[in-house]
Amino acid sequence: MTTPRVLLIAIVLNLLIVAGGVAATYLLLKPNDEGQPAGPGLLAGLLGGKVDQTTEYQFVPVNKVILSLPGQNREHYFVLDLVLQAAATVESKKLEQIDPMVRNSVVAHLSGRSFEELRGMPIAQLQEELEKAVRGDITSRNIAAPEFQVLISKLVVQ
């Protein structure tokens, strides 16, 4: 190849790269329907990547679930404050309506356990067990409930 052809190919490639950069910048800075810049989410969508969406949540408290548990020498108290976490689109009234069911499930699930067993259990494991118990009770009683998670917000053992 002669030198003028190599220079012509290099110039064409540079022009294509610059044009691609200008097009990508335009797409990223072009306002969307709400008047905001499209941002990196558009680029991820164009490249086939998954766009990370944040979700808003609401939290409904289930205060003071109190249990009396047998220990080796005496009875112990186990106090739980729970929170039901659901998407912000869920009506909070629906979550508040299942409060008695959540309390009943937690008491029924934990009352057969000993103090030592519950005291040694990691919070994450206890939270997981309580969520399974609550969901199982709601399902077995055919109660219509929104999608939610059970979180432990306070745990007092004495």
Protein backbone atom coordinates (compact mmCIF):
# COMPACT_ATOMS: atom_id res chain seq x y z
CA MET A 1 0.00 0.00 0.00
CA THR A 2 1.12 3.45 -0.71
CA THR A 3 1.42 6.17 1.89
CA PRO A 4 -1.56 8.22 0.65
CA ARG A 5 -3.89 5.17 0.99
CA VAL A 6 -2.69 4.49 4.54
CA LEU A 7 -3.28 8.14 5.45
CA LEU A 8 -6.75 8.05 3.87
CA ILE A 9 -7.69 4.89 5.82
CA ALA A 10 -6.40 6.42 9.08
CA ILE A 11 -8.39 9.62 8.48
CA VAL A 12 -11.60 7.65 7.72
CA LEU A 13 -11.17 5.51 10.85
CA ASN A 14 -10.59 8.61 13.00
CA LEU A 15 -13.71 10.25 11.56
CA LEU A 16 -15.79 7.13 12.34
CA ILE A 17 -14.51 7.04 15.94
CA VAL A 18 -15.22 10.75 16.45
CA ALA A 19 -18.70 10.37 14.92
CA GLY A 20 -19.44 7.44 17.26
CA GLY A 21 -18.30 9.48 20.27
CA VAL A 22 -20.46 12.44 19.25
CA ALA A 23 -23.50 10.16 18.77
CA ALA A 24 -22.99 8.48 22.17
CA THR A 25 -22.59 11.87 23.89
CA TYR A 26 -25.76 13.14 22.22
CA LEU A 27 -27.76 10.10 23.32
CA LEU A 28 -26.50 10.39 26.92
CA LEU A 29 -27.16 14.12 27.22
CA LYS A 30 -30.43 14.23 25.29
CA PRO A 31 -33.32 14.97 27.71
CA ASN A 32 -35.83 12.19 28.31
CA ASP A 33 -39.61 12.64 28.61
CA GLU A 34 -39.24 14.22 32.07
CA GLY A 35 -36.70 16.80 30.89
CA GLN A 36 -33.79 15.10 32.68
CA PRO A 37 -30.64 13.87 30.91
CA ALA A 38 -30.94 10.21 30.01
CA GLY A 39 -27.69 9.36 31.78
CA PRO A 40 -25.76 6.09 31.84
CA GLY A 41 -28.94 3.99 32.05
CA LEU A 42 -29.61 4.67 28.38
CA LEU A 43 -26.13 3.56 27.38
CA ALA A 44 -26.52 0.37 29.40
CA GLY A 45 -29.86 -0.25 27.70
CA LEU A 46 -28.36 0.34 24.25
CA LEU A 47 -25.51 -2.04 24.99
CA GLY A 48 -27.88 -4.75 26.24
CA GLY A 49 -26.89 -4.39 29.89
CA LYS A 50 -29.27 -4.46 32.81
CA VAL A 51 -30.26 -1.05 34.09
CA ASP A 52 -30.11 -0.83 37.89
CA GLN A 53 -33.45 0.41 39.21
CA THR A 54 -33.81 1.51 42.80
CA THR A 55 -36.99 0.62 44.62
CA GLU A 56 -38.68 2.62 47.32
CA TYR A 57 -39.97 0.76 50.36
CA GLN A 58 -42.31 1.37 53.21
CA PHE A 59 -42.00 -0.08 56.69
CA VAL A 60 -44.87 -0.98 59.03
CA PRO A 61 -43.90 -1.76 62.64
CA VAL A 62 -45.13 -4.74 64.65
CA ASN A 63 -44.21 -3.64 68.16
CA LYS A 64 -43.46 -5.72 71.24
CA VAL A 65 -44.05 -9.38 70.60
CA ILE A 66 -43.35 -10.74 74.10
CA LEU A 67 -42.62 -14.39 74.89
CA SER A 68 -41.93 -16.18 78.14
CA LEU A 69 -39.46 -18.99 77.45
CA PRO A 70 -38.32 -21.80 79.73
CA GLY A 71 -34.66 -21.77 80.71
CA GLN A 72 -32.52 -24.12 82.78
CA ASN A 73 -33.16 -22.41 86.13
CA ARG A 74 -35.95 -19.92 85.47
CA GLU A 75 -38.22 -18.36 82.89
CA HIS A 76 -36.80 -15.80 80.48
CA TYR A 77 -38.41 -13.00 78.51
CA PHE A 78 -37.88 -12.64 74.81
CA VAL A 79 -39.13 -9.33 73.34
CA LEU A 80 -39.15 -8.74 69.59
CA ASP A 81 -39.98 -5.64 67.61
CA LEU A 82 -40.59 -6.53 63.99
CA VAL A 83 -41.01 -4.47 60.86
CA LEU A 84 -42.84 -5.49 57.71
CA GLN A 85 -41.04 -4.20 54.63
CA ALA A 86 -42.99 -3.85 51.39
CA ALA A 87 -42.79 -1.88 48.18
CA ALA A 88 -43.99 1.71 48.42
CA THR A 89 -46.83 0.86 46.03
CA VAL A 90 -48.44 -1.51 48.56
CA GLU A 91 -51.18 0.03 50.67
CA SER A 92 -49.96 0.33 54.26
CA LYS A 93 -53.47 -0.53 55.50
CA LYS A 94 -53.11 -4.03 54.01
CA LEU A 95 -49.88 -4.53 55.94
CA GLU A 96 -51.44 -3.22 59.15
CA GLN A 97 -54.33 -5.68 58.75
CA ILE A 98 -52.02 -8.69 58.90
CA ASP A 99 -50.36 -7.48 62.15
CA PRO A 100 -52.37 -9.92 64.34
CA MET A 101 -51.50 -12.79 62.00
CA VAL A 102 -47.80 -11.92 62.16
CA ARG A 103 -47.91 -11.77 65.97
CA ASN A 104 -49.72 -15.09 66.19
CA SER A 105 -47.30 -16.80 63.82
CA VAL A 106 -44.23 -15.51 65.68
CA VAL A 107 -45.57 -16.54 69.09
CA ALA A 108 -46.64 -19.96 67.83
CA HIS A 109 -43.30 -20.57 66.11
CA LEU A 110 -41.06 -19.45 68.97
CA SER A 111 -42.98 -20.56 72.07
CA GLY A 112 -41.90 -24.20 71.67
CA ARG A 113 -38.23 -23.26 71.69
CA SER A 114 -35.95 -23.01 74.71
CA PHE A 115 -34.23 -19.84 75.83
CA GLU A 116 -30.76 -21.28 75.19
CA GLU A 117 -31.67 -22.29 71.64
CA LEU A 118 -33.02 -18.86 70.72
CA ARG A 119 -30.22 -17.03 72.51
CA GLY A 120 -27.59 -18.84 70.43
CA MET A 121 -29.35 -18.34 67.10
CA PRO A 122 -27.95 -15.69 64.69
CA ILE A 123 -30.33 -12.80 63.94
CA ALA A 124 -30.31 -13.54 60.20
CA GLN A 125 -31.37 -17.15 60.80
CA LEU A 126 -34.09 -16.11 63.25
CA GLN A 127 -35.38 -13.51 60.80
CA GLU A 128 -35.46 -16.08 57.99
CA GLU A 129 -37.32 -18.62 60.15
CA LEU A 130 -39.89 -16.05 61.24
CA GLU A 131 -40.53 -14.97 57.66
CA LYS A 132 -41.05 -18.59 56.57
CA ALA A 133 -43.39 -19.21 59.50
CA VAL A 134 -45.46 -16.09 58.83
CA ARG A 135 -45.71 -16.81 55.10
CA GLY A 136 -46.64 -20.43 55.79
CA ASP A 137 -49.41 -19.45 58.20
CA ILE A 138 -50.80 -16.83 55.81
CA THR A 139 -50.78 -19.33 52.95
CA SER A 140 -52.35 -22.13 54.99
CA ARG A 141 -55.23 -19.87 56.03
CA ASN A 142 -55.79 -18.53 52.51
CA ILE A 143 -55.32 -14.93 53.59
CA ALA A 144 -54.71 -12.41 50.82
CA ALA A 145 -51.58 -10.52 51.78
CA PRO A 146 -49.23 -8.29 49.81
CA GLU A 147 -45.61 -9.23 49.16
CA PHE A 148 -43.48 -8.30 52.19
CA GLN A 149 -40.38 -9.21 54.18
CA VAL A 150 -40.11 -9.62 57.96
CA LEU A 151 -37.28 -7.68 59.59
CA ILE A 152 -36.21 -7.75 63.23
CA SER A 153 -35.75 -4.18 64.45
CA LYS A 154 -35.25 -4.89 68.16
CA LEU A 155 -34.47 -7.97 70.22
CA VAL A 156 -34.36 -7.99 74.01
CA VAL A 157 -33.55 -11.17 75.88
CA GLN A 158 -33.46 -11.39 79.68
